[in-house]
Amino acid sequence: MSYRNNNYKEDYVRRHNINSKRPSNVTVIPREKEYVENTIKRFMRKVKKSGIADEFRKRRFFEKPSIKKRRKSKQREARLRKLQAKGQI
């Protein structure tokens, strides 16, 4: 008798986000007669837009759940204050 449930593989995929819609890698193919500097700039732009660098910086050190919760609540309050200052709320 097996102790694992039948959906073990599906649970693993769901927990580890293997089949995510967002790709985890960024590729840039150099265009014809394009300078290397421009190719690097396009690559850096794509990395910034995808948020890979921010995610790396965020995950570099472990953040306790309580501190993460506190940080998110402070961000939420700042966002609300900003909207109130604009008069949208």
C-alpha atoms as a PDB file:
ATOM      1  CA  MET A   1       0.000   0.000   0.000  1.00  0.00           C
ATOM      2  CA  SER A   2       1.320   3.408  -0.932  1.00  0.00           C
ATOM      3  CA  TYR A   3       1.212   6.312   1.484  1.00  0.00           C
ATOM      4  CA  ARG A   4       1.477   8.933  -1.221  1.00  0.00           C
ATOM      5  CA  ASN A   5      -1.647  10.155  -2.882  1.00  0.00           C
ATOM      6  CA  ASN A   6      -2.153   9.502  -6.578  1.00  0.00           C
ATOM      7  CA  ASN A   7      -1.697  13.160  -7.497  1.00  0.00           C
ATOM      8  CA  TYR A   8       1.846  13.413  -6.108  1.00  0.00           C
ATOM      9  CA  LYS A   9       3.372  14.559  -9.404  1.00  0.00           C
ATOM     10  CA  GLU A  10       0.645  17.162  -9.946  1.00  0.00           C
ATOM     11  CA  ASP A  11       1.097  18.448  -6.399  1.00  0.00           C
ATOM     12  CA  TYR A  12       4.871  18.695  -6.906  1.00  0.00           C
ATOM     13  CA  VAL A  13       4.440  20.620 -10.162  1.00  0.00           C
ATOM     14  CA  ARG A  14       1.939  22.979  -8.554  1.00  0.00           C
ATOM     15  CA  ARG A  15       4.104  23.589  -5.475  1.00  0.00           C
ATOM     16  CA  HIS A  16       7.327  24.181  -7.393  1.00  0.00           C
ATOM     17  CA  ASN A  17       5.724  26.175 -10.203  1.00  0.00           C
ATOM     18  CA  ILE A  18       7.395  24.117 -12.938  1.00  0.00           C
ATOM     19  CA  ASN A  19       4.895  24.850 -15.685  1.00  0.00           C
ATOM     20  CA  SER A  20       4.691  28.589 -15.125  1.00  0.00           C
ATOM     21  CA  LYS A  21       3.574  30.822 -17.954  1.00  0.00           C
ATOM     22  CA  ARG A  22       6.505  33.181 -17.427  1.00  0.00           C
ATOM     23  CA  PRO A  23       9.803  31.865 -18.798  1.00  0.00           C
ATOM     24  CA  SER A  24      12.704  31.769 -16.385  1.00  0.00           C
ATOM     25  CA  ASN A  25      15.327  32.618 -18.974  1.00  0.00           C
ATOM     26  CA  VAL A  26      15.846  35.676 -21.159  1.00  0.00           C
ATOM     27  CA  THR A  27      17.276  35.291 -24.635  1.00  0.00           C
ATOM     28  CA  VAL A  28      18.463  37.918 -27.049  1.00  0.00           C
ATOM     29  CA  ILE A  29      19.438  37.064 -30.608  1.00  0.00           C
ATOM     30  CA  PRO A  30      21.853  39.592 -32.148  1.00  0.00           C
ATOM     31  CA  ARG A  31      20.406  41.344 -35.148  1.00  0.00           C
ATOM     32  CA  GLU A  32      22.235  41.638 -38.420  1.00  0.00           C
ATOM     33  CA  LYS A  33      24.926  44.361 -38.288  1.00  0.00           C
ATOM     34  CA  GLU A  34      24.064  45.220 -34.694  1.00  0.00           C
ATOM     35  CA  TYR A  35      26.741  46.411 -32.297  1.00  0.00           C
ATOM     36  CA  VAL A  36      27.473  44.203 -29.308  1.00  0.00           C
ATOM     37  CA  GLU A  37      26.759  47.093 -26.916  1.00  0.00           C
ATOM     38  CA  ASN A  38      23.228  47.448 -28.291  1.00  0.00           C
ATOM     39  CA  THR A  39      22.637  43.714 -27.915  1.00  0.00           C
ATOM     40  CA  ILE A  40      23.773  43.884 -24.288  1.00  0.00           C
ATOM     41  CA  LYS A  41      21.498  46.889 -23.686  1.00  0.00           C
ATOM     42  CA  ARG A  42      18.511  44.980 -25.087  1.00  0.00           C
ATOM     43  CA  PHE A  43      19.392  42.019 -22.882  1.00  0.00           C
ATOM     44  CA  MET A  44      19.635  44.196 -19.768  1.00  0.00           C
ATOM     45  CA  ARG A  45      16.305  45.841 -20.605  1.00  0.00           C
ATOM     46  CA  LYS A  46      14.639  42.441 -20.924  1.00  0.00           C
ATOM     47  CA  VAL A  47      16.125  41.291 -17.613  1.00  0.00           C
ATOM     48  CA  LYS A  48      14.847  44.417 -15.848  1.00  0.00           C
ATOM     49  CA  LYS A  49      11.403  44.095 -17.424  1.00  0.00           C
ATOM     50  CA  SER A  50      11.080  40.427 -16.467  1.00  0.00           C
ATOM     51  CA  GLY A  51      12.100  41.184 -12.871  1.00  0.00           C
ATOM     52  CA  ILE A  52      14.784  38.513 -12.652  1.00  0.00           C
ATOM     53  CA  ALA A  53      17.354  40.847 -11.074  1.00  0.00           C
ATOM     54  CA  ASP A  54      14.862  42.119  -8.487  1.00  0.00           C
ATOM     55  CA  GLU A  55      13.856  38.564  -7.636  1.00  0.00           C
ATOM     56  CA  PHE A  56      17.502  37.574  -7.235  1.00  0.00           C
ATOM     57  CA  ARG A  57      18.179  40.532  -4.941  1.00  0.00           C
ATOM     58  CA  LYS A  58      15.073  39.730  -2.912  1.00  0.00           C
ATOM     59  CA  ARG A  59      15.970  36.049  -2.493  1.00  0.00           C
ATOM     60  CA  ARG A  60      19.669  36.598  -1.818  1.00  0.00           C
ATOM     61  CA  PHE A  61      19.092  36.399   1.930  1.00  0.00           C
ATOM     62  CA  PHE A  62      16.363  34.640   3.837  1.00  0.00           C
ATOM     63  CA  GLU A  63      13.575  36.924   4.990  1.00  0.00           C
ATOM     64  CA  LYS A  64      11.518  35.815   7.951  1.00  0.00           C
ATOM     65  CA  PRO A  65       7.778  35.601   7.243  1.00  0.00           C
ATOM     66  CA  SER A  66       7.005  38.200   9.922  1.00  0.00           C
ATOM     67  CA  ILE A  67       9.439  40.698   8.375  1.00  0.00           C
ATOM     68  CA  LYS A  68       8.059  39.977   4.912  1.00  0.00           C
ATOM     69  CA  LYS A  69       4.532  40.631   6.199  1.00  0.00           C
ATOM     70  CA  ARG A  70       5.662  43.889   7.835  1.00  0.00           C
ATOM     71  CA  ARG A  71       7.410  45.044   4.642  1.00  0.00           C
ATOM     72  CA  LYS A  72       4.344  44.338   2.530  1.00  0.00           C
ATOM     73  CA  SER A  73       2.044  46.187   4.922  1.00  0.00           C
ATOM     74  CA  LYS A  74       4.368  49.225   4.883  1.00  0.00           C
ATOM     75  CA  GLN A  75       4.357  49.168   1.069  1.00  0.00           C
ATOM     76  CA  ARG A  76       0.560  48.946   1.091  1.00  0.00           C
ATOM     77  CA  GLU A  77       0.276  51.917   3.474  1.00  0.00           C
ATOM     78  CA  ALA A  78       2.695  53.984   1.373  1.00  0.00           C
ATOM     79  CA  ARG A  79       0.699  53.191  -1.768  1.00  0.00           C
ATOM     80  CA  LEU A  80      -2.546  54.246  -0.051  1.00  0.00           C
ATOM     81  CA  ARG A  81      -0.971  57.486   1.212  1.00  0.00           C
ATOM     82  CA  LYS A  82       0.225  58.260  -2.293  1.00  0.00           C
ATOM     83  CA  LEU A  83      -3.251  57.683  -3.729  1.00  0.00           C
ATOM     84  CA  GLN A  84      -4.824  59.804  -1.017  1.00  0.00           C
ATOM     85  CA  ALA A  85      -2.367  62.622  -1.753  1.00  0.00           C
ATOM     86  CA  LYS A  86      -3.411  62.496  -5.400  1.00  0.00           C
ATOM     87  CA  GLY A  87      -7.068  62.574  -4.348  1.00  0.00           C
ATOM     88  CA  GLN A  88      -8.032  59.286  -5.986  1.00  0.00           C
ATOM     89  CA  ILE A  89      -9.413  57.732  -2.801  1.00  0.00           C
END
